[in-house]
Amino acid sequence: MGRYRAVCQSCGREFASGFHPICDCGGMVDVEYPLHEVRLRESRNPLERFFDLLPVRHEENLRWLGEGNTPTVHARALGKLLGLDKLYLKDETQNPTRTTKDRMASVVLSLFQETGVREFACSSTGNSSTALAFGVEQLEGFTLHVFVGRDFLHRMNFDSSDRVKVYWVRDATFVEAHDCAKAFTRMNKQVTGERGFFNPGRREGLKLAYLEGVLDMPEPPHWYFQAASSGMGVYGTWRGAQQLFRLGLSWRLPRLACIQQATCDPMVRSWRAGSRITRPQDVVHEPTGPAEAILRGDPTHTYPHLHDMVYQSGGTFESVTDAQIYEAQKMVLELEGIDGCPASATTVAAIKKMVAAGELRRDDVIFANFTGGLRTTEVTPQQYETLSKKELLQDAA
């Protein structure tokens, strides 16, 4: 039996069972493991291999979707061009839906299986909902409601169906679509809000790319790079890095680098201003940019958590331009044969920028999570329901 404690990070309340992403006091509920009892297993299934470090108590509730075991590439050609001898890319384009979000979906659905959640609602810029929809279609007993902002319908790589229902909120941004998903759950009590960043299944699932990668590498990284929207992947990674360190499986903690695009970089702006919170003037109300997967203009609720971790690690937030993203995307494809999406390419663009600025040394071990690839097909969901943000929020109120 896996063991963990679900504890509110604000008031200390412990939850013995059920799905509780947010405490009654408003604090975030996080998970803690008895590391002296943790044992890694020999298994191709990462959910079994790292079972003692996942928020699932009973192994029979695991719902693996076939993701994981992706290549940890020593990018020698790319590193030579950039002036780095030890550059490693975690090639998450090899997952079933071509993104690291498949790891999140497996753990979220395992957690939901155990806690009795069978019908749930989420919002997404595309990758998370595609991964969750893939999982729900593979498994019996779940129903998913996906709320999509006006600019992201083309990124939903699945069709609406009896078990996956798509709602296009034609007058909503991504953040507003998230508000609509919450309103929908208030009106439909049988539907649980999936809660995004605050779902511990997401954060704990996304750390698995780091755990796999570091255990594949000859030495642990000095720096870890990942594109950041809400930042749940970086949050999970820092937790995973600390766990490996305390288990004696890694002798170094990485400095965290959270990367955004210059057209939508609210976290970067707040960080550079020395602010622990997202300042109102840093919010991007109408975000645009080539890295659509990370077009989150208002990280007000998540940035404080990311700020504290990045500060603790001695890391940074960095932004890159559209031109730098496209250049990096081309370099990775030509030199390493990895066909990545623009969000993935932000990491390599930032690495190049920081090398030029003298912030990275040739012999630093650099680990970048290349989080996803371009999909060969894009499917516009059929028979989706079109909603009005204003009408839905009024009805929920």
Protein backbone atom coordinates (compact mmCIF):
# COMPACT_ATOMS: atom_id res chain seq x y z
CA MET A 1 0.00 0.00 0.00
CA GLY A 2 1.32 3.44 -0.91
CA ARG A 3 1.32 5.92 1.95
CA TYR A 4 1.05 9.66 1.85
CA ARG A 5 -0.43 12.50 3.86
CA ALA A 6 -2.64 15.15 2.28
CA VAL A 7 -1.96 18.29 4.30
CA CYS A 8 -3.09 21.92 3.96
CA GLN A 9 0.00 24.07 3.52
CA SER A 10 -1.66 26.99 5.35
CA CYS A 11 -3.40 25.62 8.44
CA GLY A 12 -1.93 22.12 8.69
CA ARG A 13 -5.24 20.26 8.45
CA GLU A 14 -4.82 16.67 7.26
CA PHE A 15 -7.28 14.92 4.95
CA ALA A 16 -7.45 11.16 5.41
CA SER A 17 -9.47 10.41 2.28
CA GLY A 18 -11.27 11.97 -0.67
CA PHE A 19 -10.26 14.58 -3.23
CA HIS A 20 -9.36 17.84 -1.48
CA PRO A 21 -7.22 20.16 -3.64
CA ILE A 22 -8.10 23.23 -1.55
CA CYS A 23 -8.69 23.37 2.20
CA ASP A 24 -11.70 25.10 3.74
CA CYS A 25 -9.29 27.81 4.89
CA GLY A 26 -8.34 28.51 1.26
CA GLY A 27 -4.88 26.96 1.52
CA MET A 28 -3.45 24.53 -1.04
CA VAL A 29 -3.44 20.86 -0.03
CA ASP A 30 -0.17 19.12 -0.85
CA VAL A 31 1.03 15.56 -0.35
CA GLU A 32 3.82 14.31 1.89
CA TYR A 33 5.46 10.87 1.79
CA PRO A 34 7.25 8.86 4.50
CA LEU A 35 10.55 8.83 2.60
CA HIS A 36 12.12 6.29 4.98
CA GLU A 37 9.58 3.77 3.64
CA VAL A 38 9.94 4.65 -0.06
CA ARG A 39 11.33 2.00 -2.40
CA LEU A 40 11.59 2.33 -6.17
CA ARG A 41 10.58 -0.77 -8.09
CA GLU A 42 11.74 -2.45 -11.26
CA SER A 43 8.93 -1.87 -13.72
CA ARG A 44 8.40 -0.46 -17.19
CA ASN A 45 5.22 1.12 -15.87
CA PRO A 46 6.33 4.40 -14.24
CA LEU A 47 3.26 4.41 -11.99
CA GLU A 48 4.45 1.11 -10.53
CA ARG A 49 8.12 2.09 -10.51
CA PHE A 50 7.47 5.29 -8.53
CA PHE A 51 4.34 4.10 -6.73
CA ASP A 52 5.63 5.06 -3.28
CA LEU A 53 6.00 8.66 -4.50
CA LEU A 54 2.47 9.03 -5.90
CA PRO A 55 -0.80 10.14 -4.21
CA VAL A 56 -2.46 6.74 -4.62
CA ARG A 57 -2.75 4.36 -1.69
CA HIS A 58 -3.91 1.19 -3.43
CA GLU A 59 -2.05 -0.18 -6.43
CA GLU A 60 -5.18 -1.62 -7.99
CA ASN A 61 -6.37 1.96 -8.61
CA LEU A 62 -3.46 2.81 -10.92
CA ARG A 63 -4.58 3.75 -14.43
CA TRP A 64 -1.53 3.76 -16.70
CA LEU A 65 -2.05 5.16 -20.21
CA GLY A 66 1.21 3.87 -21.68
CA GLU A 67 3.24 7.06 -21.22
CA GLY A 68 6.74 7.39 -19.84
CA ASN A 69 10.11 5.75 -20.49
CA THR A 70 10.80 8.57 -22.93
CA PRO A 71 14.37 9.16 -24.16
CA THR A 72 16.73 11.28 -22.10
CA VAL A 73 18.85 12.58 -24.95
CA HIS A 74 22.43 13.75 -24.47
CA ALA A 75 22.15 16.51 -27.07
CA ARG A 76 25.80 16.59 -28.16
CA ALA A 77 25.33 18.33 -31.50
CA LEU A 78 23.01 20.98 -30.10
CA GLY A 79 25.23 21.38 -27.05
CA LYS A 80 28.30 21.86 -29.22
CA LEU A 81 26.56 24.65 -31.11
CA LEU A 82 25.46 26.33 -27.88
CA GLY A 83 28.75 25.85 -26.06
CA LEU A 84 27.57 23.18 -23.58
CA ASP A 85 29.13 19.76 -23.07
CA LYS A 86 26.39 18.30 -20.89
CA LEU A 87 23.05 19.29 -22.34
CA TYR A 88 20.22 16.78 -21.90
CA LEU A 89 16.70 16.90 -23.35
CA LYS A 90 13.84 14.82 -22.00
CA ASP A 91 11.99 13.97 -25.21
CA GLU A 92 8.35 13.95 -24.09
CA THR A 93 7.14 14.00 -27.70
CA GLN A 94 7.24 10.18 -27.49
CA ASN A 95 4.23 9.98 -25.16
CA PRO A 96 0.85 8.77 -26.53
CA THR A 97 -0.59 12.24 -27.23
CA ARG A 98 2.92 13.66 -27.79
CA THR A 99 3.15 15.72 -24.59
CA THR A 100 4.28 15.39 -21.00
CA LYS A 101 0.65 15.96 -19.96
CA ASP A 102 -0.03 12.25 -20.48
CA ARG A 103 1.86 11.69 -17.21
CA MET A 104 -0.50 14.09 -15.49
CA ALA A 105 -3.56 12.36 -16.93
CA SER A 106 -2.50 8.92 -15.70
CA VAL A 107 -1.99 10.06 -12.13
CA VAL A 108 -5.10 12.28 -12.06
CA LEU A 109 -7.28 9.41 -13.28
CA SER A 110 -5.64 7.04 -10.78
CA LEU A 111 -6.36 9.52 -7.97
CA PHE A 112 -9.93 9.96 -9.19
CA GLN A 113 -10.41 6.19 -9.40
CA GLU A 114 -9.36 5.89 -5.77
CA THR A 115 -11.32 8.86 -4.43
CA GLY A 116 -14.54 8.08 -6.27
CA VAL A 117 -14.52 10.98 -8.74
CA ARG A 118 -16.19 9.75 -11.91
CA GLU A 119 -17.41 12.93 -13.63
CA PHE A 120 -15.25 16.05 -13.74
CA ALA A 121 -14.75 19.35 -15.55
CA CYS A 122 -11.59 21.16 -16.66
CA SER A 123 -10.35 23.95 -18.91
CA SER A 124 -7.28 23.79 -21.09
CA THR A 125 -5.23 25.41 -23.83
CA GLY A 126 -5.14 21.98 -25.47
CA ASN A 127 -2.52 19.58 -24.16
CA SER A 128 -4.01 18.81 -20.74
CA SER A 129 -7.51 18.25 -22.06
CA THR A 130 -6.22 16.15 -24.95
CA ALA A 131 -4.36 13.91 -22.50
CA LEU A 132 -7.34 13.64 -20.15
CA ALA A 133 -9.72 12.96 -23.05
CA PHE A 134 -7.38 10.23 -24.31
CA GLY A 135 -7.43 8.65 -20.85
CA VAL A 136 -11.18 8.89 -20.38
CA GLU A 137 -11.75 7.25 -23.77
CA GLN A 138 -9.37 4.42 -22.85
CA LEU A 139 -10.92 3.74 -19.45
CA GLU A 140 -14.44 2.82 -18.42
CA GLY A 141 -16.40 4.81 -15.89
CA PHE A 142 -15.26 8.42 -16.38
CA THR A 143 -16.99 11.42 -17.96
CA LEU A 144 -15.06 14.59 -18.83
CA HIS A 145 -16.42 18.10 -19.49
CA VAL A 146 -13.88 20.37 -21.27
CA PHE A 147 -14.34 24.15 -21.36
CA VAL A 148 -12.41 25.87 -24.13
CA GLY A 149 -11.69 29.58 -24.52
CA ARG A 150 -12.42 31.33 -27.79
CA ASP A 151 -8.89 30.99 -29.23
CA PHE A 152 -8.11 27.35 -28.41
CA LEU A 153 -10.76 25.15 -30.02
CA HIS A 154 -8.35 24.20 -32.82
CA ARG A 155 -5.94 22.74 -30.22
CA MET A 156 -8.42 20.16 -28.88
CA ASN A 157 -7.06 17.04 -30.54
CA PHE A 158 -10.17 14.90 -29.96
CA ASP A 159 -13.84 14.73 -30.85
CA SER A 160 -16.71 15.44 -28.53
CA SER A 161 -18.41 12.18 -27.48
CA ASP A 162 -20.71 10.67 -24.89
CA ARG A 163 -17.84 10.52 -22.38
CA VAL A 164 -15.91 13.63 -23.44
CA LYS A 165 -18.12 16.69 -23.77
CA VAL A 166 -16.64 19.90 -25.22
CA TYR A 167 -17.99 23.38 -24.53
CA TRP A 168 -16.65 26.28 -26.56
CA VAL A 169 -17.00 29.51 -24.58
CA ARG A 170 -16.91 31.86 -27.52
CA ASP A 171 -16.33 35.07 -25.53
CA ALA A 172 -13.82 33.77 -22.93
CA THR A 173 -10.06 33.78 -22.50
CA PHE A 174 -8.37 30.66 -21.10
CA VAL A 175 -8.63 31.96 -17.53
CA GLU A 176 -12.29 32.86 -18.04
CA ALA A 177 -12.97 29.39 -19.47
CA HIS A 178 -11.55 28.03 -16.21
CA ASP A 179 -14.04 30.21 -14.31
CA CYS A 180 -16.80 28.80 -16.50
CA ALA A 181 -15.76 25.24 -15.67
CA LYS A 182 -16.00 26.07 -11.97
CA ALA A 183 -19.43 27.65 -12.51
CA PHE A 184 -20.58 24.52 -14.32
CA THR A 185 -19.64 22.35 -11.32
CA ARG A 186 -21.60 24.64 -9.00
CA MET A 187 -24.69 24.11 -11.14
CA ASN A 188 -24.11 20.36 -11.55
CA LYS A 189 -23.29 18.90 -8.16
CA GLN A 190 -22.41 15.47 -9.56
CA VAL A 191 -19.51 17.05 -11.49
CA THR A 192 -16.21 17.67 -9.70
CA GLY A 193 -13.90 20.51 -10.62
CA GLU A 194 -10.58 19.04 -11.74
CA ARG A 195 -8.80 22.17 -10.39
CA GLY A 196 -5.74 22.29 -12.66
CA PHE A 197 -2.56 23.36 -10.84
CA PHE A 198 -4.20 22.68 -7.48
CA ASN A 199 -4.94 19.04 -8.29
CA PRO A 200 -2.10 17.13 -6.58
CA GLY A 201 -2.42 14.39 -9.19
CA ARG A 202 -1.28 16.86 -11.85
CA ARG A 203 1.76 18.10 -9.94
CA GLU A 204 2.85 14.66 -8.79
CA GLY A 205 2.33 13.11 -12.23
CA LEU A 206 4.39 15.76 -13.98
CA LYS A 207 7.40 15.22 -11.72
CA LEU A 208 7.88 11.74 -13.21
CA ALA A 209 9.66 13.12 -16.29
CA TYR A 210 12.32 14.58 -13.99
CA LEU A 211 12.63 11.42 -11.89
CA GLU A 212 13.11 9.28 -14.99
CA GLY A 213 15.54 11.69 -16.57
CA VAL A 214 17.80 12.19 -13.58
CA LEU A 215 18.03 8.46 -12.93
CA ASP A 216 19.06 8.03 -16.60
CA MET A 217 21.73 10.74 -16.50
CA PRO A 218 25.35 10.12 -15.39
CA GLU A 219 25.10 12.99 -12.90
CA PRO A 220 22.27 15.22 -11.66
CA PRO A 221 21.70 18.60 -13.32
CA HIS A 222 22.90 21.98 -12.17
CA TRP A 223 19.94 23.59 -14.00
CA TYR A 224 16.46 22.41 -14.95
CA PHE A 225 14.54 24.26 -17.71
CA GLN A 226 10.83 24.03 -18.45
CA ALA A 227 8.21 26.20 -20.18
CA ALA A 228 5.83 27.67 -17.60
CA SER A 229 2.15 28.53 -17.83
CA SER A 230 0.64 27.85 -14.41
CA GLY A 231 3.91 26.19 -13.43
CA MET A 232 2.55 22.89 -12.15
CA GLY A 233 5.28 20.90 -13.94
CA VAL A 234 8.05 22.96 -12.37
CA TYR A 235 6.36 22.70 -8.97
CA GLY A 236 6.19 18.92 -9.23
CA THR A 237 9.77 18.75 -10.48
CA TRP A 238 11.13 20.65 -7.49
CA ARG A 239 9.27 18.31 -5.15
CA GLY A 240 10.61 15.31 -7.05
CA ALA A 241 14.15 16.68 -6.97
CA GLN A 242 13.98 17.12 -3.21
CA GLN A 243 12.64 13.59 -2.81
CA LEU A 244 15.45 12.05 -4.87
CA PHE A 245 17.99 14.09 -2.90
CA ARG A 246 16.62 12.97 0.47
CA LEU A 247 16.48 9.37 -0.72
CA GLY A 248 20.17 9.53 -1.60
CA LEU A 249 19.46 8.95 -5.29
CA SER A 250 20.74 12.38 -6.35
CA TRP A 251 23.52 14.40 -4.76
CA ARG A 252 22.54 17.77 -6.17
CA LEU A 253 19.41 19.92 -6.36
CA PRO A 254 18.86 21.82 -9.62
CA ARG A 255 18.41 25.52 -10.08
CA LEU A 256 15.00 26.02 -11.69
CA ALA A 257 14.51 28.05 -14.87
CA CYS A 258 10.87 28.84 -15.74
CA ILE A 259 10.56 30.02 -19.34
CA GLN A 260 7.82 32.12 -20.93
CA GLN A 261 7.41 33.89 -24.26
CA ALA A 262 7.97 37.63 -24.36
CA THR A 263 4.41 38.30 -25.54
CA CYS A 264 2.95 36.53 -22.48
CA ASP A 265 5.39 36.62 -19.58
CA PRO A 266 3.56 37.81 -16.44
CA MET A 267 5.69 35.64 -14.14
CA VAL A 268 8.90 36.99 -15.64
CA ARG A 269 7.76 40.58 -15.15
CA SER A 270 6.77 40.02 -11.54
CA TRP A 271 10.03 38.18 -10.82
CA ARG A 272 12.17 40.93 -12.31
CA ALA A 273 10.27 43.48 -10.22
CA GLY A 274 11.15 41.50 -7.09
CA SER A 275 7.51 40.76 -6.39
CA ARG A 276 6.30 37.53 -4.78
CA ILE A 277 2.81 38.09 -6.17
CA THR A 278 1.56 38.79 -9.68
CA ARG A 279 1.29 42.55 -9.90
CA PRO A 280 -1.86 43.84 -11.64
CA GLN A 281 0.25 45.56 -14.29
CA ASP A 282 1.94 42.26 -15.16
CA VAL A 283 -1.28 40.44 -16.10
CA VAL A 284 -1.65 39.93 -19.86
CA HIS A 285 -5.36 40.19 -20.58
CA GLU A 286 -5.28 39.19 -24.25
CA PRO A 287 -2.25 36.87 -24.54
CA THR A 288 -0.82 35.98 -27.93
CA GLY A 289 2.25 34.12 -29.13
CA PRO A 290 3.45 31.03 -30.96
CA ALA A 291 3.74 28.90 -27.80
CA GLU A 292 -0.02 28.44 -27.41
CA ALA A 293 0.35 25.77 -24.72
CA ILE A 294 1.63 28.38 -22.26
CA LEU A 295 -0.64 31.33 -23.10
CA ARG A 296 -1.73 31.98 -19.53
CA GLY A 297 -1.84 35.70 -18.97
CA ASP A 298 -2.97 35.70 -15.34
CA PRO A 299 -1.04 33.35 -13.00
CA THR A 300 -2.20 35.22 -9.88
CA HIS A 301 -3.09 32.08 -7.93
CA THR A 302 -0.07 29.97 -8.87
CA TYR A 303 2.87 32.37 -9.23
CA PRO A 304 3.50 32.77 -5.46
CA HIS A 305 4.10 29.03 -5.18
CA LEU A 306 6.46 29.09 -8.18
CA HIS A 307 8.26 32.20 -6.93
CA ASP A 308 9.12 30.58 -3.62
CA MET A 309 10.46 27.42 -5.24
CA VAL A 310 12.52 29.22 -7.87
CA TYR A 311 13.95 31.54 -5.22
CA GLN A 312 14.78 28.61 -2.95
CA SER A 313 16.55 26.82 -5.81
CA GLY A 314 18.62 29.86 -6.80
CA GLY A 315 16.96 29.81 -10.21
CA THR A 316 15.25 32.34 -12.43
CA PHE A 317 12.35 33.24 -14.71
CA GLU A 318 13.29 34.09 -18.29
CA SER A 319 11.46 35.10 -21.46
CA VAL A 320 12.30 34.65 -25.14
CA THR A 321 11.05 36.27 -28.33
CA ASP A 322 9.06 34.67 -31.13
CA ALA A 323 12.14 34.72 -33.36
CA GLN A 324 14.24 33.00 -30.70
CA ILE A 325 11.56 30.33 -30.26
CA TYR A 326 11.37 29.54 -33.98
CA GLU A 327 15.16 29.46 -34.26
CA ALA A 328 15.42 27.01 -31.35
CA GLN A 329 12.65 24.82 -32.75
CA LYS A 330 14.55 24.55 -36.03
CA MET A 331 17.89 23.84 -34.31
CA VAL A 332 16.51 20.98 -32.23
CA LEU A 333 14.89 19.37 -35.26
CA GLU A 334 17.96 19.69 -37.49
CA LEU A 335 20.59 18.73 -34.91
CA GLU A 336 18.77 16.24 -32.67
CA GLY A 337 15.86 15.06 -34.83
CA ILE A 338 13.22 16.05 -32.29
CA ASP A 339 10.17 17.76 -33.78
CA GLY A 340 9.00 19.89 -30.88
CA CYS A 341 6.26 22.43 -30.40
CA PRO A 342 7.04 26.12 -29.78
CA ALA A 343 6.45 25.78 -26.03
CA SER A 344 9.12 23.09 -25.83
CA ALA A 345 11.49 25.21 -27.89
CA THR A 346 11.28 28.08 -25.39
CA THR A 347 13.63 26.09 -23.13
CA VAL A 348 16.37 25.79 -25.74
CA ALA A 349 15.92 29.44 -26.73
CA ALA A 350 16.39 30.45 -23.10
CA ILE A 351 19.43 28.19 -22.70
CA LYS A 352 21.06 29.87 -25.70
CA LYS A 353 20.21 33.31 -24.29
CA MET A 354 21.65 32.49 -20.86
CA VAL A 355 24.83 30.98 -22.32
CA ALA A 356 25.39 34.21 -24.27
CA ALA A 357 24.84 36.22 -21.09
CA GLY A 358 27.43 34.16 -19.21
CA GLU A 359 24.85 32.67 -16.84
CA LEU A 360 25.58 29.07 -17.85
CA ARG A 361 29.03 27.46 -17.99
CA ARG A 362 30.28 24.98 -20.56
CA ASP A 363 30.59 22.19 -17.99
CA ASP A 364 27.21 22.79 -16.30
CA VAL A 365 24.84 19.84 -16.50
CA ILE A 366 21.70 21.26 -18.14
CA PHE A 367 18.43 19.32 -18.20
CA ALA A 368 15.55 20.66 -20.31
CA ASN A 369 12.10 19.11 -20.36
CA PHE A 370 11.15 19.14 -24.05
CA THR A 371 7.53 18.91 -23.09
CA GLY A 372 5.76 18.15 -26.36
CA GLY A 373 5.71 17.87 -30.10
CA LEU A 374 3.65 19.12 -33.00
CA ARG A 375 0.69 16.86 -33.63
CA THR A 376 0.40 15.39 -37.10
CA THR A 377 -3.34 16.06 -37.14
CA GLU A 378 -5.59 18.54 -35.44
CA VAL A 379 -9.21 17.55 -34.97
CA THR A 380 -11.79 20.24 -34.37
CA PRO A 381 -14.25 18.64 -31.93
CA GLN A 382 -17.54 17.81 -33.56
CA GLN A 383 -20.92 18.46 -31.95
CA TYR A 384 -19.43 20.75 -29.32
CA GLU A 385 -21.75 23.03 -27.41
CA THR A 386 -21.31 26.78 -27.81
CA LEU A 387 -21.76 28.84 -24.64
CA SER A 388 -21.67 32.45 -23.56
CA LYS A 389 -19.40 33.29 -20.64
CA LYS A 390 -21.73 36.01 -19.42
CA GLU A 391 -24.83 33.82 -19.49
CA LEU A 392 -23.13 30.84 -17.84
CA LEU A 393 -21.66 32.88 -14.99
CA GLN A 394 -24.99 34.62 -14.43
CA ASP A 395 -26.81 31.29 -14.25
CA ALA A 396 -24.24 29.91 -11.78
CA ALA A 397 -24.58 32.99 -9.58
